[in-house]
């Protein structure tokens, strides 16, 4: 019976392989970061309450990386203090979302289901 020799990989080769793996990992991380940056929509500043609400909803959708519900939207908009001075904030939010979704051509949001919104 033949004896199988256990060949050792030289330490220099192992270090070179490790360095190349580190370089490959860094390149992949940079690529992931660039993809994440390109997924973000640049929002123009808005001076109207309606525009600020829609921008806030789009920000929230981007943070969650998916659709959002009105139950998530209302506290987020409240936290940003966009609807200050409004008596019935939930009603106004509902109106703004309804009008944005039903805008012809320039709508930035779409209604996925009842109370659920996503970026168009």
PDB file of N, CA and C in Angstrom:
ATOM      1  N   UNK A   1       0.826  -1.172   0.000  1.00  0.00           N
ATOM      2  CA  UNK A   1       0.000   0.000   0.000  1.00  0.00           C
ATOM      3  C   UNK A   1       0.877   1.245   0.000  1.00  0.00           C
ATOM      4  N   UNK A   2       0.494   2.221  -0.834  1.00  0.00           N
ATOM      5  CA  UNK A   2       1.284   3.446  -0.933  1.00  0.00           C
ATOM      6  C   UNK A   2       0.886   4.407   0.159  1.00  0.00           C
ATOM      7  N   UNK A   3       1.877   5.066   0.661  1.00  0.00           N
ATOM      8  CA  UNK A   3       1.634   6.117   1.650  1.00  0.00           C
ATOM      9  C   UNK A   3       1.385   7.428   0.920  1.00  0.00           C
ATOM     10  N   UNK A   4       0.304   8.110   1.302  1.00  0.00           N
ATOM     11  CA  UNK A   4      -0.001   9.405   0.698  1.00  0.00           C
ATOM     12  C   UNK A   4       0.734  10.466   1.492  1.00  0.00           C
ATOM     13  N   UNK A   5       1.493  11.258   0.769  1.00  0.00           N
ATOM     14  CA  UNK A   5       2.230  12.322   1.439  1.00  0.00           C
ATOM     15  C   UNK A   5       1.309  13.501   1.657  1.00  0.00           C
ATOM     16  N   UNK A   6       1.378  14.056   2.813  1.00  0.00           N
ATOM     17  CA  UNK A   6       0.585  15.239   3.146  1.00  0.00           C
ATOM     18  C   UNK A   6       1.394  16.457   2.742  1.00  0.00           C
ATOM     19  N   UNK A   7       0.960  17.111   1.649  1.00  0.00           N
ATOM     20  CA  UNK A   7       1.678  18.286   1.168  1.00  0.00           C
ATOM     21  C   UNK A   7       1.191  19.503   1.905  1.00  0.00           C
ATOM     22  N   UNK A   8       2.138  20.272   2.349  1.00  0.00           N
ATOM     23  CA  UNK A   8       1.818  21.535   3.028  1.00  0.00           C
ATOM     24  C   UNK A   8       1.922  22.667   2.032  1.00  0.00           C
ATOM     25  N   UNK A   9       0.965  23.604   2.148  1.00  0.00           N
ATOM     26  CA  UNK A   9       1.018  24.798   1.321  1.00  0.00           C
ATOM     27  C   UNK A   9       1.951  25.768   2.025  1.00  0.00           C
ATOM     28  N   UNK A  10       2.894  26.321   1.306  1.00  0.00           N
ATOM     29  CA  UNK A  10       3.839  27.248   1.937  1.00  0.00           C
ATOM     30  C   UNK A  10       3.116  28.446   2.566  1.00  0.00           C
ATOM     31  N   UNK A  11       3.648  28.892   3.659  1.00  0.00           N
ATOM     32  CA  UNK A  11       3.061  30.004   4.395  1.00  0.00           C
ATOM     33  C   UNK A  11       2.950  31.263   3.541  1.00  0.00           C
ATOM     34  N   UNK A  12       3.918  31.514   2.701  1.00  0.00           N
ATOM     35  CA  UNK A  12       3.907  32.684   1.820  1.00  0.00           C
ATOM     36  C   UNK A  12       2.693  32.623   0.888  1.00  0.00           C
ATOM     37  N   UNK A  13       2.418  31.447   0.344  1.00  0.00           N
ATOM     38  CA  UNK A  13       1.258  31.276  -0.548  1.00  0.00           C
ATOM     39  C   UNK A  13      -0.049  31.512   0.204  1.00  0.00           C
ATOM     40  N   UNK A  14      -0.143  31.016   1.419  1.00  0.00           N
ATOM     41  CA  UNK A  14      -1.352  31.218   2.214  1.00  0.00           C
ATOM     42  C   UNK A  14      -1.601  32.698   2.493  1.00  0.00           C
ATOM     43  N   UNK A  15      -0.526  33.417   2.811  1.00  0.00           N
ATOM     44  CA  UNK A  15      -0.672  34.858   3.080  1.00  0.00           C
ATOM     45  C   UNK A  15      -1.082  35.611   1.809  1.00  0.00           C
ATOM     46  N   UNK A  16      -0.524  35.212   0.669  1.00  0.00           N
ATOM     47  CA  UNK A  16      -0.885  35.864  -0.588  1.00  0.00           C
ATOM     48  C   UNK A  16      -2.367  35.621  -0.907  1.00  0.00           C
ATOM     49  N   UNK A  17      -2.832  34.402  -0.686  1.00  0.00           N
ATOM     50  CA  UNK A  17      -4.243  34.083  -0.926  1.00  0.00           C
ATOM     51  C   UNK A  17      -5.142  34.897   0.001  1.00  0.00           C
ATOM     52  N   UNK A  18      -4.729  34.996   1.247  1.00  0.00           N
ATOM     53  CA  UNK A  18      -5.507  35.762   2.225  1.00  0.00           C
ATOM     54  C   UNK A  18      -5.586  37.241   1.828  1.00  0.00           C
ATOM     55  N   UNK A  19      -4.472  37.807   1.400  1.00  0.00           N
ATOM     56  CA  UNK A  19      -4.462  39.203   0.952  1.00  0.00           C
ATOM     57  C   UNK A  19      -5.366  39.412  -0.255  1.00  0.00           C
ATOM     58  N   UNK A  20      -5.333  38.472  -1.183  1.00  0.00           N
ATOM     59  CA  UNK A  20      -6.193  38.626  -2.361  1.00  0.00           C
ATOM     60  C   UNK A  20      -7.666  38.502  -1.975  1.00  0.00           C
ATOM     61  N   UNK A  21      -7.985  37.659  -1.000  1.00  0.00           N
ATOM     62  CA  UNK A  21      -9.364  37.559  -0.517  1.00  0.00           C
ATOM     63  C   UNK A  21      -9.803  38.856   0.158  1.00  0.00           C
ATOM     64  N   UNK A  22      -8.900  39.472   0.923  1.00  0.00           N
ATOM     65  CA  UNK A  22      -9.209  40.755   1.561  1.00  0.00           C
ATOM     66  C   UNK A  22      -9.484  41.824   0.506  1.00  0.00           C
ATOM     67  N   UNK A  23      -8.671  41.854  -0.543  1.00  0.00           N
ATOM     68  CA  UNK A  23      -8.863  42.829  -1.616  1.00  0.00           C
ATOM     69  C   UNK A  23     -10.191  42.590  -2.333  1.00  0.00           C
ATOM     70  N   UNK A  24     -10.516  41.332  -2.559  1.00  0.00           N
ATOM     71  CA  UNK A  24     -11.785  41.002  -3.214  1.00  0.00           C
ATOM     72  C   UNK A  24     -12.960  41.406  -2.327  1.00  0.00           C
ATOM     73  N   UNK A  25     -12.849  41.167  -1.025  1.00  0.00           N
ATOM     74  CA  UNK A  25     -13.901  41.543  -0.069  1.00  0.00           C
ATOM     75  C   UNK A  25     -14.105  43.058  -0.083  1.00  0.00           C
ATOM     76  N   UNK A  26     -13.015  43.825  -0.065  1.00  0.00           N
ATOM     77  CA  UNK A  26     -13.110  45.284  -0.095  1.00  0.00           C
ATOM     78  C   UNK A  26     -13.797  45.764  -1.381  1.00  0.00           C
ATOM     79  N   UNK A  27     -13.458  45.143  -2.501  1.00  0.00           N
ATOM     80  CA  UNK A  27     -14.069  45.523  -3.778  1.00  0.00           C
ATOM     81  C   UNK A  27     -15.568  45.223  -3.771  1.00  0.00           C
ATOM     82  N   UNK A  28     -15.950  44.105  -3.203  1.00  0.00           N
ATOM     83  CA  UNK A  28     -17.370  43.748  -3.122  1.00  0.00           C
ATOM     84  C   UNK A  28     -18.115  44.708  -2.216  1.00  0.00           C
ATOM     85  N   UNK A  29     -17.507  45.081  -1.086  1.00  0.00           N
ATOM     86  CA  UNK A  29     -18.144  46.032  -0.174  1.00  0.00           C
ATOM     87  C   UNK A  29     -18.345  47.396  -0.838  1.00  0.00           C
ATOM     88  N   UNK A  30     -17.372  47.835  -1.622  1.00  0.00           N
ATOM     89  CA  UNK A  30     -17.511  49.101  -2.351  1.00  0.00           C
ATOM     90  C   UNK A  30     -18.637  49.019  -3.372  1.00  0.00           C
ATOM     91  N   UNK A  31     -18.738  47.883  -4.047  1.00  0.00           N
ATOM     92  CA  UNK A  31     -19.786  47.689  -5.038  1.00  0.00           C
ATOM     93  C   UNK A  31     -21.167  47.693  -4.377  1.00  0.00           C
ATOM     94  N   UNK A  32     -21.293  47.032  -3.248  1.00  0.00           N
ATOM     95  CA  UNK A  32     -22.559  47.022  -2.502  1.00  0.00           C
ATOM     96  C   UNK A  32     -22.935  48.437  -2.098  1.00  0.00           C
ATOM     97  N   UNK A  33     -21.977  49.197  -1.591  1.00  0.00           N
ATOM     98  CA  UNK A  33     -22.246  50.579  -1.171  1.00  0.00           C
ATOM     99  C   UNK A  33     -22.707  51.433  -2.349  1.00  0.00           C
ATOM    100  N   UNK A  34     -22.090  51.237  -3.505  1.00  0.00           N
ATOM    101  CA  UNK A  34     -22.496  52.034  -4.667  1.00  0.00           C
ATOM    102  C   UNK A  34     -23.899  51.647  -5.126  1.00  0.00           C
ATOM    103  N   UNK A  35     -24.254  50.361  -5.035  1.00  0.00           N
ATOM    104  CA  UNK A  35     -25.613  49.936  -5.386  1.00  0.00           C
ATOM    105  C   UNK A  35     -26.624  50.538  -4.425  1.00  0.00           C
ATOM    106  N   UNK A  36     -26.302  50.547  -3.140  1.00  0.00           N
ATOM    107  CA  UNK A  36     -27.218  51.110  -2.150  1.00  0.00           C
ATOM    108  C   UNK A  36     -27.413  52.603  -2.384  1.00  0.00           C
ATOM    109  N   UNK A  37     -26.373  53.309  -2.775  1.00  0.00           N
ATOM    110  CA  UNK A  37     -26.482  54.738  -3.058  1.00  0.00           C
ATOM    111  C   UNK A  37     -27.357  54.988  -4.277  1.00  0.00           C
ATOM    112  N   UNK A  38     -27.241  54.132  -5.291  1.00  0.00           N
ATOM    113  CA  UNK A  38     -28.011  54.347  -6.515  1.00  0.00           C
ATOM    114  C   UNK A  38     -29.484  54.025  -6.320  1.00  0.00           C
ATOM    115  N   UNK A  39     -29.828  53.251  -5.283  1.00  0.00           N
ATOM    116  CA  UNK A  39     -31.229  52.923  -5.005  1.00  0.00           C
ATOM    117  C   UNK A  39     -31.977  54.088  -4.375  1.00  0.00           C
ATOM    118  N   UNK A  40     -31.267  55.054  -3.840  1.00  0.00           N
ATOM    119  CA  UNK A  40     -31.912  56.168  -3.159  1.00  0.00           C
ATOM    120  C   UNK A  40     -32.359  57.220  -4.171  1.00  0.00           C
ATOM    121  N   UNK A  41     -33.539  57.730  -3.953  1.00  0.00           N
ATOM    122  CA  UNK A  41     -34.074  58.779  -4.815  1.00  0.00           C
ATOM    123  C   UNK A  41     -33.764  60.115  -4.159  1.00  0.00           C
ATOM    124  N   UNK A  42     -33.174  61.001  -4.927  1.00  0.00           N
ATOM    125  CA  UNK A  42     -32.901  62.344  -4.418  1.00  0.00           C
ATOM    126  C   UNK A  42     -34.203  63.131  -4.405  1.00  0.00           C
ATOM    127  N   UNK A  43     -34.567  63.614  -3.239  1.00  0.00           N
ATOM    128  CA  UNK A  43     -35.820  64.350  -3.104  1.00  0.00           C
ATOM    129  C   UNK A  43     -35.548  65.845  -3.103  1.00  0.00           C
ATOM    130  N   UNK A  44     -36.217  66.565  -3.992  1.00  0.00           N
ATOM    131  CA  UNK A  44     -36.044  68.023  -3.976  1.00  0.00           C
ATOM    132  C   UNK A  44     -36.727  68.590  -2.733  1.00  0.00           C
ATOM    133  N   UNK A  45     -36.168  69.632  -2.150  1.00  0.00           N
ATOM    134  CA  UNK A  45     -36.819  70.221  -0.976  1.00  0.00           C
ATOM    135  C   UNK A  45     -38.175  70.774  -1.370  1.00  0.00           C
ATOM    136  N   UNK A  46     -39.120  70.636  -0.465  1.00  0.00           N
ATOM    137  CA  UNK A  46     -40.464  71.128  -0.755  1.00  0.00           C
ATOM    138  C   UNK A  46     -40.876  72.126   0.309  1.00  0.00           C
ATOM    139  N   UNK A  47     -41.558  73.165  -0.119  1.00  0.00           N
ATOM    140  CA  UNK A  47     -42.004  74.190   0.815  1.00  0.00           C
ATOM    141  C   UNK A  47     -43.482  74.034   1.151  1.00  0.00           C
ATOM    142  N   UNK A  48     -44.178  73.176   0.387  1.00  0.00           N
ATOM    143  CA  UNK A  48     -45.587  72.969   0.675  1.00  0.00           C
ATOM    144  C   UNK A  48     -45.745  71.808   1.648  1.00  0.00           C
ATOM    145  N   UNK A  49     -46.824  71.828   2.399  1.00  0.00           N
ATOM    146  CA  UNK A  49     -47.092  70.752   3.345  1.00  0.00           C
ATOM    147  C   UNK A  49     -47.274  69.436   2.589  1.00  0.00           C
ATOM    148  N   UNK A  50     -47.994  69.484   1.476  1.00  0.00           N
ATOM    149  CA  UNK A  50     -48.231  68.289   0.675  1.00  0.00           C
ATOM    150  C   UNK A  50     -46.901  67.680   0.200  1.00  0.00           C
ATOM    151  N   UNK A  51     -46.021  68.513  -0.337  1.00  0.00           N
ATOM    152  CA  UNK A  51     -44.726  68.033  -0.815  1.00  0.00           C
ATOM    153  C   UNK A  51     -43.881  67.457   0.302  1.00  0.00           C
ATOM    154  N   UNK A  52     -43.910  68.077   1.479  1.00  0.00           N
ATOM    155  CA  UNK A  52     -43.149  67.570   2.615  1.00  0.00           C
ATOM    156  C   UNK A  52     -43.686  66.218   3.076  1.00  0.00           C
ATOM    157  N   UNK A  53     -45.011  66.051   3.053  1.00  0.00           N
ATOM    158  CA  UNK A  53     -45.611  64.766   3.442  1.00  0.00           C
ATOM    159  C   UNK A  53     -45.191  63.678   2.461  1.00  0.00           C
ATOM    160  N   UNK A  54     -45.291  63.960   1.167  1.00  0.00           N
ATOM    161  CA  UNK A  54     -44.922  62.966   0.153  1.00  0.00           C
ATOM    162  C   UNK A  54     -43.436  62.627   0.258  1.00  0.00           C
ATOM    163  N   UNK A  55     -42.586  63.628   0.443  1.00  0.00           N
ATOM    164  CA  UNK A  55     -41.147  63.370   0.629  1.00  0.00           C
ATOM    165  C   UNK A  55     -40.903  62.498   1.851  1.00  0.00           C
ATOM    166  N   UNK A  56     -41.624  62.763   2.940  1.00  0.00           N
ATOM    167  CA  UNK A  56     -41.465  61.971   4.165  1.00  0.00           C
ATOM    168  C   UNK A  56     -41.882  60.521   3.926  1.00  0.00           C
ATOM    169  N   UNK A  57     -42.958  60.316   3.185  1.00  0.00           N
ATOM    170  CA  UNK A  57     -43.414  58.952   2.888  1.00  0.00           C
ATOM    171  C   UNK A  57     -42.367  58.226   2.045  1.00  0.00           C
ATOM    172  N   UNK A  58     -41.799  58.907   1.060  1.00  0.00           N
ATOM    173  CA  UNK A  58     -40.761  58.293   0.220  1.00  0.00           C
ATOM    174  C   UNK A  58     -39.524  57.963   1.060  1.00  0.00           C
ATOM    175  N   UNK A  59     -39.125  58.855   1.957  1.00  0.00           N
ATOM    176  CA  UNK A  59     -37.995  58.578   2.861  1.00  0.00           C
ATOM    177  C   UNK A  59     -38.265  57.326   3.681  1.00  0.00           C
ATOM    178  N   UNK A  60     -39.473  57.223   4.222  1.00  0.00           N
ATOM    179  CA  UNK A  60     -39.831  56.070   5.047  1.00  0.00           C
ATOM    180  C   UNK A  60     -39.795  54.781   4.238  1.00  0.00           C
ATOM    181  N   UNK A  61     -40.300  54.827   3.018  1.00  0.00           N
ATOM    182  CA  UNK A  61     -40.263  53.650   2.143  1.00  0.00           C
ATOM    183  C   UNK A  61     -38.819  53.237   1.878  1.00  0.00           C
ATOM    184  N   UNK A  62     -37.943  54.217   1.653  1.00  0.00           N
ATOM    185  CA  UNK A  62     -36.529  53.912   1.411  1.00  0.00           C
ATOM    186  C   UNK A  62     -35.882  53.326   2.657  1.00  0.00           C
ATOM    187  N   UNK A  63     -36.214  53.862   3.824  1.00  0.00           N
ATOM    188  CA  UNK A  63     -35.645  53.327   5.071  1.00  0.00           C
ATOM    189  C   UNK A  63     -36.070  51.888   5.299  1.00  0.00           C
ATOM    190  N   UNK A  64     -37.338  51.616   5.030  1.00  0.00           N
ATOM    191  CA  UNK A  64     -37.865  50.258   5.231  1.00  0.00           C
ATOM    192  C   UNK A  64     -37.517  49.319   4.087  1.00  0.00           C
ATOM    193  N   UNK A  65     -37.102  49.897   2.968  1.00  0.00           N
ATOM    194  CA  UNK A  65     -36.784  49.127   1.759  1.00  0.00           C
ATOM    195  C   UNK A  65     -37.996  48.321   1.290  1.00  0.00           C
ATOM    196  N   UNK A  66     -39.146  48.971   1.348  1.00  0.00           N
ATOM    197  CA  UNK A  66     -40.367  48.319   0.887  1.00  0.00           C
ATOM    198  C   UNK A  66     -41.565  49.189   1.219  1.00  0.00           C
ATOM    199  N   UNK A  67     -42.735  48.663   0.952  1.00  0.00           N
ATOM    200  CA  UNK A  67     -43.958  49.437   1.148  1.00  0.00           C
ATOM    201  C   UNK A  67     -44.179  49.803   2.617  1.00  0.00           C
ATOM    202  N   UNK A  68     -45.047  50.807   2.833  1.00  0.00           N
ATOM    203  CA  UNK A  68     -45.376  51.246   4.191  1.00  0.00           C
ATOM    204  C   UNK A  68     -46.890  51.355   4.337  1.00  0.00           C
ATOM    205  N   UNK A  69     -47.340  51.269   5.575  1.00  0.00           N
ATOM    206  CA  UNK A  69     -48.764  51.384   5.865  1.00  0.00           C
ATOM    207  C   UNK A  69     -49.047  52.753   6.460  1.00  0.00           C
ATOM    208  N   UNK A  70     -50.316  53.125   6.448  1.00  0.00           N
ATOM    209  CA  UNK A  70     -50.687  54.418   7.041  1.00  0.00           C
ATOM    210  C   UNK A  70     -50.387  54.433   8.537  1.00  0.00           C
ATOM    211  N   UNK A  71     -50.407  53.279   9.165  1.00  0.00           N
ATOM    212  CA  UNK A  71     -50.063  53.196  10.597  1.00  0.00           C
ATOM    213  C   UNK A  71     -48.592  53.534  10.848  1.00  0.00           C
ATOM    214  N   UNK A  72     -47.757  53.297   9.863  1.00  0.00           N
ATOM    215  CA  UNK A  72     -46.338  53.661   9.970  1.00  0.00           C
ATOM    216  C   UNK A  72     -46.112  55.099   9.517  1.00  0.00           C
ATOM    217  N   UNK A  73     -46.878  55.519   8.520  1.00  0.00           N
ATOM    218  CA  UNK A  73     -46.693  56.853   7.941  1.00  0.00           C
ATOM    219  C   UNK A  73     -47.046  57.946   8.944  1.00  0.00           C
ATOM    220  N   UNK A  74     -48.197  57.814   9.601  1.00  0.00           N
ATOM    221  CA  UNK A  74     -48.667  58.892  10.475  1.00  0.00           C
ATOM    222  C   UNK A  74     -47.651  59.237  11.575  1.00  0.00           C
ATOM    223  N   UNK A  75     -47.138  58.265  12.350  1.00  0.00           N
ATOM    224  CA  UNK A  75     -46.151  58.629  13.377  1.00  0.00           C
ATOM    225  C   UNK A  75     -44.877  59.241  12.798  1.00  0.00           C
ATOM    226  N   UNK A  76     -44.479  58.779  11.605  1.00  0.00           N
ATOM    227  CA  UNK A  76     -43.270  59.304  10.971  1.00  0.00           C
ATOM    228  C   UNK A  76     -43.464  60.769  10.588  1.00  0.00           C
ATOM    229  N   UNK A  77     -44.619  61.071  10.005  1.00  0.00           N
ATOM    230  CA  UNK A  77     -44.926  62.451   9.623  1.00  0.00           C
ATOM    231  C   UNK A  77     -45.076  63.318  10.880  1.00  0.00           C
ATOM    232  N   UNK A  78     -45.690  62.772  11.909  1.00  0.00           N
ATOM    233  CA  UNK A  78     -45.847  63.494  13.181  1.00  0.00           C
ATOM    234  C   UNK A  78     -44.480  63.829  13.794  1.00  0.00           C
ATOM    235  N   UNK A  79     -43.587  62.856  13.749  1.00  0.00           N
ATOM    236  CA  UNK A  79     -42.238  63.050  14.303  1.00  0.00           C
ATOM    237  C   UNK A  79     -41.503  64.171  13.578  1.00  0.00           C
ATOM    238  N   UNK A  80     -41.753  64.311  12.284  1.00  0.00           N
ATOM    239  CA  UNK A  80     -41.117  65.365  11.495  1.00  0.00           C
ATOM    240  C   UNK A  80     -41.827  66.707  11.671  1.00  0.00           C
ATOM    241  N   UNK A  81     -42.942  66.693  12.377  1.00  0.00           N
ATOM    242  CA  UNK A  81     -43.687  67.916  12.707  1.00  0.00           C
ATOM    243  C   UNK A  81     -44.151  68.673  11.460  1.00  0.00           C
ATOM    244  N   UNK A  82     -44.550  67.923  10.446  1.00  0.00           N
ATOM    245  CA  UNK A  82     -44.978  68.534   9.190  1.00  0.00           C
ATOM    246  C   UNK A  82     -46.396  69.089   9.294  1.00  0.00           C
ATOM    247  N   UNK A  83     -47.258  68.388  10.011  1.00  0.00           N
ATOM    248  CA  UNK A  83     -48.668  68.762  10.076  1.00  0.00           C
ATOM    249  C   UNK A  83     -48.995  69.625  11.292  1.00  0.00           C
ATOM    250  N   UNK A  84     -48.023  70.384  11.767  1.00  0.00           N
ATOM    251  CA  UNK A  84     -48.285  71.205  12.953  1.00  0.00           C
ATOM    252  C   UNK A  84     -49.331  72.276  12.638  1.00  0.00           C
ATOM    253  N   UNK A  85     -50.180  72.516  13.588  1.00  0.00           N
ATOM    254  CA  UNK A  85     -51.222  73.519  13.422  1.00  0.00           C
ATOM    255  C   UNK A  85     -52.466  73.010  12.715  1.00  0.00           C
ATOM    256  N   UNK A  86     -52.468  71.739  12.313  1.00  0.00           N
ATOM    257  CA  UNK A  86     -53.625  71.163  11.632  1.00  0.00           C
ATOM    258  C   UNK A  86     -54.494  70.473  12.676  1.00  0.00           C
ATOM    259  N   UNK A  87     -55.820  70.713  12.595  1.00  0.00           N
ATOM    260  CA  UNK A  87     -56.722  70.138  13.581  1.00  0.00           C
ATOM    261  C   UNK A  87     -56.861  68.627  13.433  1.00  0.00           C
ATOM    262  N   UNK A  88     -57.285  68.167  12.254  1.00  0.00           N
ATOM    263  CA  UNK A  88     -57.497  66.738  12.028  1.00  0.00           C
ATOM    264  C   UNK A  88     -56.369  66.211  11.138  1.00  0.00           C
ATOM    265  N   UNK A  89     -55.268  65.864  11.770  1.00  0.00           N
ATOM    266  CA  UNK A  89     -54.058  65.484  11.034  1.00  0.00           C
ATOM    267  C   UNK A  89     -54.236  64.191  10.230  1.00  0.00           C
ATOM    268  N   UNK A  90     -54.926  63.226  10.816  1.00  0.00           N
ATOM    269  CA  UNK A  90     -55.121  61.952  10.104  1.00  0.00           C
ATOM    270  C   UNK A  90     -55.957  62.143   8.849  1.00  0.00           C
ATOM    271  N   UNK A  91     -56.971  62.976   8.937  1.00  0.00           N
ATOM    272  CA  UNK A  91     -57.825  63.228   7.771  1.00  0.00           C
ATOM    273  C   UNK A  91     -57.031  63.931   6.675  1.00  0.00           C
ATOM    274  N   UNK A  92     -56.230  64.924   7.062  1.00  0.00           N
ATOM    275  CA  UNK A  92     -55.430  65.640   6.071  1.00  0.00           C
ATOM    276  C   UNK A  92     -54.400  64.709   5.438  1.00  0.00           C
ATOM    277  N   UNK A  93     -53.781  63.858   6.235  1.00  0.00           N
ATOM    278  CA  UNK A  93     -52.813  62.899   5.698  1.00  0.00           C
ATOM    279  C   UNK A  93     -53.500  61.979   4.689  1.00  0.00           C
ATOM    280  N   UNK A  94     -54.686  61.509   5.030  1.00  0.00           N
ATOM    281  CA  UNK A  94     -55.438  60.630   4.120  1.00  0.00           C
ATOM    282  C   UNK A  94     -55.748  61.347   2.806  1.00  0.00           C
ATOM    283  N   UNK A  95     -56.135  62.608   2.888  1.00  0.00           N
ATOM    284  CA  UNK A  95     -56.441  63.392   1.683  1.00  0.00           C
ATOM    285  C   UNK A  95     -55.203  63.574   0.822  1.00  0.00           C
ATOM    286  N   UNK A  96     -54.092  63.918   1.460  1.00  0.00           N
ATOM    287  CA  UNK A  96     -52.830  64.121   0.713  1.00  0.00           C
ATOM    288  C   UNK A  96     -52.419  62.837   0.012  1.00  0.00           C
ATOM    289  N   UNK A  97     -52.473  61.708   0.708  1.00  0.00           N
ATOM    290  CA  UNK A  97     -52.090  60.428   0.106  1.00  0.00           C
ATOM    291  C   UNK A  97     -53.035  60.058  -1.038  1.00  0.00           C
ATOM    292  N   UNK A  98     -54.330  60.258  -0.829  1.00  0.00           N
ATOM    293  CA  UNK A  98     -55.312  59.966  -1.872  1.00  0.00           C
ATOM    294  C   UNK A  98     -55.038  60.806  -3.125  1.00  0.00           C
ATOM    295  N   UNK A  99     -54.831  62.091  -2.924  1.00  0.00           N
ATOM    296  CA  UNK A  99     -54.599  62.975  -4.065  1.00  0.00           C
ATOM    297  C   UNK A  99     -53.285  62.652  -4.774  1.00  0.00           C
ATOM    298  N   UNK A 100     -52.261  62.310  -4.022  1.00  0.00           N
ATOM    299  CA  UNK A 100     -50.962  61.982  -4.628  1.00  0.00           C
ATOM    300  C   UNK A 100     -51.065  60.713  -5.466  1.00  0.00           C
ATOM    301  N   UNK A 101     -51.724  59.712  -4.945  1.00  0.00           N
ATOM    302  CA  UNK A 101     -51.857  58.439  -5.660  1.00  0.00           C
ATOM    303  C   UNK A 101     -52.690  58.611  -6.936  1.00  0.00           C
ATOM    304  N   UNK A 102     -53.668  59.489  -6.889  1.00  0.00           N
ATOM    305  CA  UNK A 102     -54.577  59.663  -8.024  1.00  0.00           C
ATOM    306  C   UNK A 102     -54.169  60.773  -8.988  1.00  0.00           C
ATOM    307  N   UNK A 103     -53.001  61.378  -8.767  1.00  0.00           N
ATOM    308  CA  UNK A 103     -52.495  62.395  -9.698  1.00  0.00           C
ATOM    309  C   UNK A 103     -52.199  61.736 -11.035  1.00  0.00           C
ATOM    310  N   UNK A 104     -52.510  62.424 -12.096  1.00  0.00           N
ATOM    311  CA  UNK A 104     -52.242  61.858 -13.422  1.00  0.00           C
ATOM    312  C   UNK A 104     -50.825  62.200 -13.860  1.00  0.00           C
ATOM    313  N   UNK A 105     -50.037  61.174 -14.126  1.00  0.00           N
ATOM    314  CA  UNK A 105     -48.705  61.368 -14.692  1.00  0.00           C
ATOM    315  C   UNK A 105     -47.592  61.676 -13.713  1.00  0.00           C
ATOM    316  N   UNK A 106     -47.805  62.585 -12.787  1.00  0.00           N
ATOM    317  CA  UNK A 106     -46.689  63.019 -11.937  1.00  0.00           C
ATOM    318  C   UNK A 106     -46.718  62.449 -10.528  1.00  0.00           C
ATOM    319  N   UNK A 107     -47.538  61.443 -10.301  1.00  0.00           N
ATOM    320  CA  UNK A 107     -47.622  60.832  -8.975  1.00  0.00           C
ATOM    321  C   UNK A 107     -46.309  60.138  -8.624  1.00  0.00           C
ATOM    322  N   UNK A 108     -45.852  60.337  -7.392  1.00  0.00           N
ATOM    323  CA  UNK A 108     -44.615  59.682  -6.956  1.00  0.00           C
ATOM    324  C   UNK A 108     -44.885  58.463  -6.088  1.00  0.00           C
ATOM    325  N   UNK A 109     -46.146  58.267  -5.703  1.00  0.00           N
ATOM    326  CA  UNK A 109     -46.530  57.130  -4.869  1.00  0.00           C
ATOM    327  C   UNK A 109     -47.592  56.306  -5.576  1.00  0.00           C
ATOM    328  N   UNK A 110     -47.656  55.037  -5.207  1.00  0.00           N
ATOM    329  CA  UNK A 110     -48.737  54.186  -5.697  1.00  0.00           C
ATOM    330  C   UNK A 110     -49.360  53.461  -4.511  1.00  0.00           C
ATOM    331  N   UNK A 111     -50.635  53.183  -4.645  1.00  0.00           N
ATOM    332  CA  UNK A 111     -51.358  52.463  -3.607  1.00  0.00           C
ATOM    333  C   UNK A 111     -51.273  50.983  -3.930  1.00  0.00           C
ATOM    334  N   UNK A 112     -50.708  50.199  -3.011  1.00  0.00           N
ATOM    335  CA  UNK A 112     -50.548  48.761  -3.225  1.00  0.00           C
ATOM    336  C   UNK A 112     -51.836  48.042  -2.827  1.00  0.00           C
ATOM    337  N   UNK A 113     -52.394  48.444  -1.701  1.00  0.00           N
ATOM    338  CA  UNK A 113     -53.649  47.910  -1.184  1.00  0.00           C
ATOM    339  C   UNK A 113     -54.206  48.970  -0.247  1.00  0.00           C
ATOM    340  N   UNK A 114     -55.312  48.676   0.372  1.00  0.00           N
ATOM    341  CA  UNK A 114     -55.920  49.661   1.262  1.00  0.00           C
ATOM    342  C   UNK A 114     -54.956  50.005   2.402  1.00  0.00           C
ATOM    343  N   UNK A 115     -54.557  51.277   2.467  1.00  0.00           N
ATOM    344  CA  UNK A 115     -53.665  51.754   3.525  1.00  0.00           C
ATOM    345  C   UNK A 115     -52.204  51.374   3.361  1.00  0.00           C
ATOM    346  N   UNK A 116     -51.831  50.871   2.172  1.00  0.00           N
ATOM    347  CA  UNK A 116     -50.447  50.442   1.923  1.00  0.00           C
ATOM    348  C   UNK A 116     -49.936  51.177   0.680  1.00  0.00           C
ATOM    349  N   UNK A 117     -48.746  51.807   0.832  1.00  0.00           N
ATOM    350  CA  UNK A 117     -48.192  52.637  -0.231  1.00  0.00           C
ATOM    351  C   UNK A 117     -46.757  52.248  -0.546  1.00  0.00           C
ATOM    352  N   UNK A 118     -46.367  52.526  -1.799  1.00  0.00           N
ATOM    353  CA  UNK A 118     -44.998  52.264  -2.243  1.00  0.00           C
ATOM    354  C   UNK A 118     -44.614  53.350  -3.248  1.00  0.00           C
ATOM    355  N   UNK A 119     -43.339  53.392  -3.607  1.00  0.00           N
ATOM    356  CA  UNK A 119     -42.846  54.353  -4.589  1.00  0.00           C
ATOM    357  C   UNK A 119     -43.290  53.880  -5.965  1.00  0.00           C
ATOM    358  N   UNK A 120     -43.748  54.802  -6.764  1.00  0.00           N
ATOM    359  CA  UNK A 120     -44.236  54.464  -8.103  1.00  0.00           C
ATOM    360  C   UNK A 120     -43.087  54.149  -9.027  1.00  0.00           C
TER     361      UNK A 120
END
